[in-house]
């Protein structure tokens, strides 16, 4: 373990798949860091639209390494990049992130004052984001949706970092073996193994990023549906990690359907719980965003998220617990369409 932040050499690792425009914006934000002593490693995961020409334009502004590899998914791609880094502490960032100027400084400050073996940071929506991106950001961080079970807060030392903004020492990576080939849930899988090995993790609130996420509701649904499936897959990989709170979106789906059926067969008053929830979402989103249009879209995004996670969870629960199916994911061939 490095004893001081001056001994910590950061390597920022960015896996990329068909997103050259996002990479340009991300690299530009890294050029504006208040602390510049870090390297950047771009791992192209077999993209049909490469970003090598974008990276070339930043070679005189950043200490940057770029390489291309056959497509294997985000986990193995991050592993391949980690193996090439020269630093002793790797930080994984998604290509759809924009990094505020004090990010690297905040990471080093925390690691110097209270060292942790692995960390995660929160995300925010930038003013430049589209209304849909802001709505999705709200739904992914609100405690009125699934934000409360996503690791957005820290509970003692049982914090589970997420890979869009996640750091770890070389020792952590070597002891755990890095990311698994899981297409979805691979970051939670790694976090579970990190904690199992006895390493200390923490949330660094000051190390936040702007995270665009999916720009279309259809892709957002597919991503979150697979998150629901992944939670059941993770229980099979790590028995005992599935908690009652993880089933809340599935209960929400079933409860909402009961309200709709009740309204059709008994009385419209059965829709009252849905109405109350919608109003709470709308008011909370309006307070947080100060944008009526974003608040309305946030309600839509929240219901897409809850239903996607809940139905994915139910799908995997039935498929694996009742029919004995092995580990799987959905929309494999048409995930980006």
Protein backbone atom coordinates (compact mmCIF):
# COMPACT_ATOMS: atom_id res chain seq x y z
CA UNK A 1 0.00 0.00 0.00
CA UNK A 2 1.38 3.45 -0.87
CA UNK A 3 1.94 5.45 2.31
CA UNK A 4 1.30 8.91 0.83
CA UNK A 5 -0.68 10.33 -2.06
CA UNK A 6 2.61 11.36 -3.68
CA UNK A 7 3.40 7.65 -3.98
CA UNK A 8 0.05 6.86 -5.55
CA UNK A 9 0.35 6.83 -9.33
CA UNK A 10 -3.08 6.94 -10.91
CA UNK A 11 -3.95 5.26 -14.18
CA UNK A 12 -7.35 6.24 -15.62
CA UNK A 13 -8.79 3.33 -17.60
CA UNK A 14 -11.52 3.88 -20.19
CA UNK A 15 -13.09 1.01 -22.17
CA UNK A 16 -14.71 2.17 -25.41
CA UNK A 17 -17.19 0.65 -27.82
CA UNK A 18 -18.32 2.72 -30.83
CA UNK A 19 -18.28 6.07 -28.99
CA UNK A 20 -15.62 8.38 -30.51
CA UNK A 21 -17.61 11.58 -29.86
CA UNK A 22 -17.99 10.76 -26.18
CA UNK A 23 -14.30 9.95 -25.89
CA UNK A 24 -13.41 13.39 -27.26
CA UNK A 25 -15.54 15.09 -24.61
CA UNK A 26 -14.15 12.89 -21.84
CA UNK A 27 -10.52 13.46 -22.82
CA UNK A 28 -11.10 17.20 -23.06
CA UNK A 29 -12.37 17.17 -19.48
CA UNK A 30 -9.27 15.26 -18.37
CA UNK A 31 -7.09 17.96 -19.92
CA UNK A 32 -8.67 20.42 -17.49
CA UNK A 33 -7.77 18.57 -14.28
CA UNK A 34 -6.18 20.69 -11.56
CA UNK A 35 -3.75 17.81 -10.95
CA UNK A 36 -2.18 16.41 -14.11
CA UNK A 37 0.07 13.64 -12.80
CA UNK A 38 -1.83 10.62 -14.19
CA UNK A 39 -1.88 8.43 -17.25
CA UNK A 40 -4.86 7.56 -19.44
CA UNK A 41 -5.41 4.17 -21.05
CA UNK A 42 -8.04 3.84 -23.79
CA UNK A 43 -9.08 0.27 -24.58
CA UNK A 44 -11.04 -0.08 -27.83
CA UNK A 45 -13.28 -3.14 -27.48
CA UNK A 46 -13.45 -4.23 -31.12
CA UNK A 47 -15.44 -1.17 -32.21
CA UNK A 48 -16.66 -0.79 -35.79
CA UNK A 49 -16.40 2.99 -35.27
CA UNK A 50 -12.99 3.49 -33.70
CA UNK A 51 -11.74 6.45 -31.68
CA UNK A 52 -8.03 6.21 -32.54
CA UNK A 53 -8.17 9.44 -34.56
CA UNK A 54 -9.73 11.21 -31.58
CA UNK A 55 -7.07 9.93 -29.20
CA UNK A 56 -4.31 11.05 -31.55
CA UNK A 57 -5.49 14.64 -31.16
CA UNK A 58 -4.82 14.49 -27.39
CA UNK A 59 -1.41 12.83 -27.41
CA UNK A 60 0.40 16.14 -26.88
CA UNK A 61 -1.92 17.13 -24.00
CA UNK A 62 -2.25 13.90 -22.00
CA UNK A 63 -0.01 10.96 -21.15
CA UNK A 64 -2.17 8.53 -23.07
CA UNK A 65 -2.02 4.94 -24.31
CA UNK A 66 -4.44 3.54 -26.86
CA UNK A 67 -4.90 -0.04 -28.01
CA UNK A 68 -7.48 -2.03 -29.92
CA UNK A 69 -8.60 -5.57 -29.08
CA UNK A 70 -11.24 -8.09 -30.20
CA UNK A 71 -14.68 -7.48 -28.72
CA UNK A 72 -15.12 -9.23 -25.37
CA UNK A 73 -17.33 -6.93 -23.29
CA UNK A 74 -16.53 -4.32 -20.65
CA UNK A 75 -15.09 -6.58 -17.93
CA UNK A 76 -12.33 -8.31 -19.92
CA UNK A 77 -11.58 -5.01 -21.69
CA UNK A 78 -10.98 -3.26 -18.37
CA UNK A 79 -8.75 -6.16 -17.33
CA UNK A 80 -6.69 -5.87 -20.51
CA UNK A 81 -6.21 -2.14 -19.91
CA UNK A 82 -5.27 -2.67 -16.25
CA UNK A 83 -2.54 -5.09 -17.33
CA UNK A 84 -0.97 -2.31 -19.41
CA UNK A 85 -0.98 0.46 -16.83
CA UNK A 86 2.22 1.77 -15.27
CA UNK A 87 0.53 3.23 -12.17
CA UNK A 88 -0.21 1.41 -8.91
CA UNK A 89 -3.84 2.53 -8.55
CA UNK A 90 -6.29 2.10 -11.40
CA UNK A 91 -9.43 4.20 -11.86
CA UNK A 92 -12.14 2.93 -14.20
CA UNK A 93 -14.32 5.49 -15.98
CA UNK A 94 -17.06 4.91 -18.53
CA UNK A 95 -16.64 6.61 -21.90
CA UNK A 96 -19.95 8.47 -21.45
CA UNK A 97 -18.61 10.39 -18.43
CA UNK A 98 -17.33 13.95 -18.19
CA UNK A 99 -14.84 14.54 -15.38
CA UNK A 100 -14.96 17.79 -13.34
CA UNK A 101 -11.63 19.62 -12.89
CA UNK A 102 -11.13 18.64 -9.22
CA UNK A 103 -11.79 14.90 -9.66
CA UNK A 104 -8.19 13.63 -9.59
CA UNK A 105 -7.37 16.04 -6.78
CA UNK A 106 -10.32 14.74 -4.72
CA UNK A 107 -9.25 11.11 -5.22
CA UNK A 108 -5.67 11.78 -4.17
CA UNK A 109 -6.75 13.89 -1.20
CA UNK A 110 -8.93 11.08 0.15
CA UNK A 111 -6.38 8.35 -0.47
CA UNK A 112 -3.74 10.45 1.28
CA UNK A 113 -5.83 11.30 4.35
CA UNK A 114 -7.70 8.00 4.76
CA UNK A 115 -6.42 5.31 2.41
CA UNK A 116 -8.86 2.73 1.04
CA UNK A 117 -8.09 -0.24 -1.18
CA UNK A 118 -10.97 0.47 -3.54
CA UNK A 119 -13.44 3.33 -3.95
CA UNK A 120 -16.45 4.49 -5.89
CA UNK A 121 -17.84 7.92 -6.63
CA UNK A 122 -21.31 9.33 -7.35
CA UNK A 123 -22.63 10.86 -10.55
CA UNK A 124 -24.52 13.98 -11.53
CA UNK A 125 -26.23 15.48 -14.58
CA UNK A 126 -24.52 18.39 -16.33
CA UNK A 127 -26.41 21.45 -17.49
CA UNK A 128 -25.54 20.51 -21.08
CA UNK A 129 -27.31 17.15 -20.85
CA UNK A 130 -30.52 16.64 -22.80
CA UNK A 131 -33.83 16.53 -20.88
CA UNK A 132 -33.96 12.75 -21.36
CA UNK A 133 -30.41 12.34 -19.99
CA UNK A 134 -31.30 14.47 -16.97
CA UNK A 135 -34.49 12.45 -16.44
CA UNK A 136 -32.55 9.18 -16.58
CA UNK A 137 -29.97 10.56 -14.15
CA UNK A 138 -32.79 11.42 -11.75
CA UNK A 139 -34.29 7.94 -11.94
CA UNK A 140 -30.90 6.31 -11.40
CA UNK A 141 -30.14 8.34 -8.28
CA UNK A 142 -33.54 8.83 -6.62
CA UNK A 143 -34.57 6.87 -3.52
CA UNK A 144 -38.10 6.85 -4.95
CA UNK A 145 -36.88 4.41 -7.63
CA UNK A 146 -34.02 1.91 -7.37
CA UNK A 147 -31.44 4.56 -6.48
CA UNK A 148 -31.52 3.39 -2.89
CA UNK A 149 -30.20 -0.07 -3.75
CA UNK A 150 -27.54 0.97 -6.27
CA UNK A 151 -24.72 1.85 -3.91
CA UNK A 152 -25.24 5.60 -4.15
CA UNK A 153 -24.56 5.91 -0.43
CA UNK A 154 -22.10 4.40 1.97
CA UNK A 155 -23.06 1.95 4.70
CA UNK A 156 -20.12 1.59 7.07
CA UNK A 157 -17.37 -0.24 5.14
CA UNK A 158 -19.74 -2.32 3.03
CA UNK A 159 -19.72 -0.03 0.05
CA UNK A 160 -20.00 -1.61 -3.41
CA UNK A 161 -18.27 0.59 -6.04
CA UNK A 162 -19.75 0.74 -9.55
CA UNK A 163 -17.55 0.61 -12.62
CA UNK A 164 -18.56 3.91 -14.25
CA UNK A 165 -16.49 5.58 -11.49
CA UNK A 166 -14.43 3.03 -9.60
CA UNK A 167 -10.84 2.80 -8.38
CA UNK A 168 -8.68 0.07 -6.87
CA UNK A 169 -5.07 -0.66 -6.02
CA UNK A 170 -2.94 -3.06 -8.03
CA UNK A 171 -2.98 -5.42 -5.04
CA UNK A 172 -6.79 -5.54 -5.09
CA UNK A 173 -6.82 -6.33 -8.78
CA UNK A 174 -4.20 -9.05 -8.50
CA UNK A 175 -5.83 -10.73 -5.49
CA UNK A 176 -9.34 -10.72 -6.99
CA UNK A 177 -8.40 -11.37 -10.62
CA UNK A 178 -10.24 -8.27 -11.80
CA UNK A 179 -13.56 -8.25 -13.62
CA UNK A 180 -15.37 -11.43 -14.62
CA UNK A 181 -16.75 -11.99 -18.16
CA UNK A 182 -20.28 -11.12 -16.94
CA UNK A 183 -21.83 -8.66 -19.39
CA UNK A 184 -24.02 -7.07 -16.70
CA UNK A 185 -23.40 -6.90 -12.97
CA UNK A 186 -19.68 -7.44 -13.42
CA UNK A 187 -18.85 -4.47 -11.19
CA UNK A 188 -21.01 -5.75 -8.32
CA UNK A 189 -19.47 -9.19 -8.76
CA UNK A 190 -16.01 -7.67 -8.39
CA UNK A 191 -17.05 -5.52 -5.43
CA UNK A 192 -18.36 -8.59 -3.63
CA UNK A 193 -15.05 -10.37 -4.18
CA UNK A 194 -13.10 -7.30 -3.04
CA UNK A 195 -14.98 -7.23 0.25
CA UNK A 196 -14.70 -11.02 0.60
CA UNK A 197 -10.90 -10.67 0.41
CA UNK A 198 -11.01 -8.27 3.35
CA UNK A 199 -10.15 -5.09 1.47
CA UNK A 200 -11.53 -1.76 2.59
CA UNK A 201 -13.85 0.14 0.26
CA UNK A 202 -15.42 3.58 0.51
CA UNK A 203 -17.51 6.14 -1.28
CA UNK A 204 -15.61 9.34 -2.08
CA UNK A 205 -18.45 11.88 -2.39
CA UNK A 206 -16.14 14.58 -3.76
CA UNK A 207 -14.97 12.30 -6.60
CA UNK A 208 -18.14 12.66 -8.65
CA UNK A 209 -18.54 12.62 -12.42
CA UNK A 210 -21.10 13.73 -14.94
CA UNK A 211 -22.60 10.54 -16.35
CA UNK A 212 -24.68 10.73 -19.53
CA UNK A 213 -25.97 7.16 -19.53
CA UNK A 214 -28.27 6.01 -22.33
CA UNK A 215 -29.81 8.71 -24.49
CA UNK A 216 -32.90 6.74 -25.54
CA UNK A 217 -35.52 5.19 -23.30
CA UNK A 218 -35.44 1.94 -25.32
CA UNK A 219 -31.75 1.40 -24.61
CA UNK A 220 -32.30 2.46 -21.01
CA UNK A 221 -34.96 -0.22 -20.61
CA UNK A 222 -32.65 -2.91 -22.00
CA UNK A 223 -29.81 -1.89 -19.71
CA UNK A 224 -31.94 -1.90 -16.55
CA UNK A 225 -33.77 -5.10 -17.52
CA UNK A 226 -30.37 -6.79 -17.61
CA UNK A 227 -29.54 -5.28 -14.22
CA UNK A 228 -32.56 -7.09 -12.80
CA UNK A 229 -31.41 -10.34 -14.40
CA UNK A 230 -27.88 -9.76 -13.11
CA UNK A 231 -29.07 -9.54 -9.51
CA UNK A 232 -30.32 -13.15 -9.69
CA UNK A 233 -27.16 -14.24 -11.54
CA UNK A 234 -25.10 -12.67 -8.76
CA UNK A 235 -26.99 -14.63 -6.11
CA UNK A 236 -25.99 -17.86 -7.86
CA UNK A 237 -22.36 -16.73 -8.03
CA UNK A 238 -22.36 -15.44 -4.45
CA UNK A 239 -25.05 -17.19 -2.39
CA UNK A 240 -26.50 -15.04 0.35
CA UNK A 241 -25.93 -11.69 -1.36
CA UNK A 242 -29.55 -11.34 -2.49
CA UNK A 243 -31.45 -9.19 0.00
CA UNK A 244 -35.15 -8.42 0.36
CA UNK A 245 -34.54 -4.86 -0.77
CA UNK A 246 -33.40 -6.14 -4.17
CA UNK A 247 -36.86 -7.59 -4.76
CA UNK A 248 -38.66 -4.28 -4.16
CA UNK A 249 -38.86 -3.32 -7.88
CA UNK A 250 -40.40 -6.73 -8.64
CA UNK A 251 -42.91 -6.17 -5.83
CA UNK A 252 -43.60 -2.73 -7.29
CA UNK A 253 -44.36 -4.26 -10.70
CA UNK A 254 -46.72 -6.83 -9.23
CA UNK A 255 -48.37 -4.22 -7.00
CA UNK A 256 -48.87 -1.82 -9.90
CA UNK A 257 -50.45 -4.56 -12.01
CA UNK A 258 -52.77 -5.42 -9.11
CA UNK A 259 -53.83 -1.77 -8.89
CA UNK A 260 -54.59 -1.66 -12.61
CA UNK A 261 -56.56 -4.91 -12.52
CA UNK A 262 -58.38 -3.74 -9.41
CA UNK A 263 -59.33 -0.49 -11.09
CA UNK A 264 -60.71 -2.40 -14.07
CA UNK A 265 -62.63 -5.01 -12.07
CA UNK A 266 -63.52 -3.29 -8.79
CA UNK A 267 -63.20 0.50 -8.62
CA UNK A 268 -60.97 3.28 -10.07
CA UNK A 269 -59.88 4.16 -6.52
CA UNK A 270 -57.50 1.20 -6.77
CA UNK A 271 -55.30 3.46 -8.90
CA UNK A 272 -54.78 5.84 -5.96
CA UNK A 273 -51.41 4.36 -4.86
CA UNK A 274 -50.05 4.83 -8.39
CA UNK A 275 -51.32 8.39 -8.43
CA UNK A 276 -49.65 9.20 -5.11
CA UNK A 277 -46.35 7.73 -6.30
CA UNK A 278 -46.47 9.68 -9.56
CA UNK A 279 -47.13 12.93 -7.69
CA UNK A 280 -44.25 12.26 -5.29
CA UNK A 281 -41.91 11.54 -8.19
CA UNK A 282 -43.03 14.65 -10.06
CA UNK A 283 -42.61 16.95 -7.06
CA UNK A 284 -39.25 15.48 -6.06
CA UNK A 285 -37.92 15.66 -9.63
CA UNK A 286 -39.17 19.23 -9.98
CA UNK A 287 -37.43 20.26 -6.75
CA UNK A 288 -34.19 18.58 -7.78
CA UNK A 289 -34.08 19.72 -11.42
CA UNK A 290 -36.15 22.93 -11.38
CA UNK A 291 -37.34 21.97 -14.85
CA UNK A 292 -41.02 20.98 -15.42
CA UNK A 293 -40.17 19.23 -18.70
CA UNK A 294 -37.41 17.20 -17.06
CA UNK A 295 -39.66 16.41 -14.10
CA UNK A 296 -42.32 14.94 -16.39
CA UNK A 297 -39.72 12.90 -18.27
CA UNK A 298 -38.27 11.82 -14.91
CA UNK A 299 -41.59 10.18 -14.03
CA UNK A 300 -41.49 8.30 -17.34
CA UNK A 301 -37.83 7.30 -16.78
CA UNK A 302 -38.59 6.18 -13.22
CA UNK A 303 -41.41 3.87 -14.31
CA UNK A 304 -39.30 2.49 -17.16
CA UNK A 305 -36.53 1.80 -14.65
CA UNK A 306 -38.75 0.19 -12.01
CA UNK A 307 -40.58 -1.99 -14.54
CA UNK A 308 -37.38 -2.91 -16.41
CA UNK A 309 -35.52 -3.96 -13.25
CA UNK A 310 -38.57 -5.63 -11.73
CA UNK A 311 -39.50 -7.65 -14.82
CA UNK A 312 -35.87 -8.59 -15.48
CA UNK A 313 -35.59 -9.77 -11.87
CA UNK A 314 -38.79 -11.83 -12.17
CA UNK A 315 -37.69 -13.26 -15.52
CA UNK A 316 -34.37 -14.44 -14.09
CA UNK A 317 -35.94 -15.69 -10.85
CA UNK A 318 -38.41 -17.87 -12.74
CA UNK A 319 -35.89 -18.99 -15.36
CA UNK A 320 -33.20 -19.96 -12.88
CA UNK A 321 -35.10 -21.01 -9.76
CA UNK A 322 -37.99 -22.82 -11.42
CA UNK A 323 -36.67 -23.96 -14.81
CA UNK A 324 -33.01 -24.38 -13.87
CA UNK A 325 -31.61 -22.17 -16.61
CA UNK A 326 -27.95 -21.16 -16.39
CA UNK A 327 -26.54 -17.64 -16.25
CA UNK A 328 -27.90 -15.45 -19.05
CA UNK A 329 -28.54 -11.90 -20.24
CA UNK A 330 -31.20 -10.42 -22.52
CA UNK A 331 -31.08 -8.45 -25.80
CA UNK A 332 -27.58 -9.71 -26.52
CA UNK A 333 -27.79 -9.20 -30.29
CA UNK A 334 -29.88 -6.02 -30.31
CA UNK A 335 -28.74 -4.25 -27.17
CA UNK A 336 -27.61 -1.09 -28.98
CA UNK A 337 -30.56 -0.87 -31.37
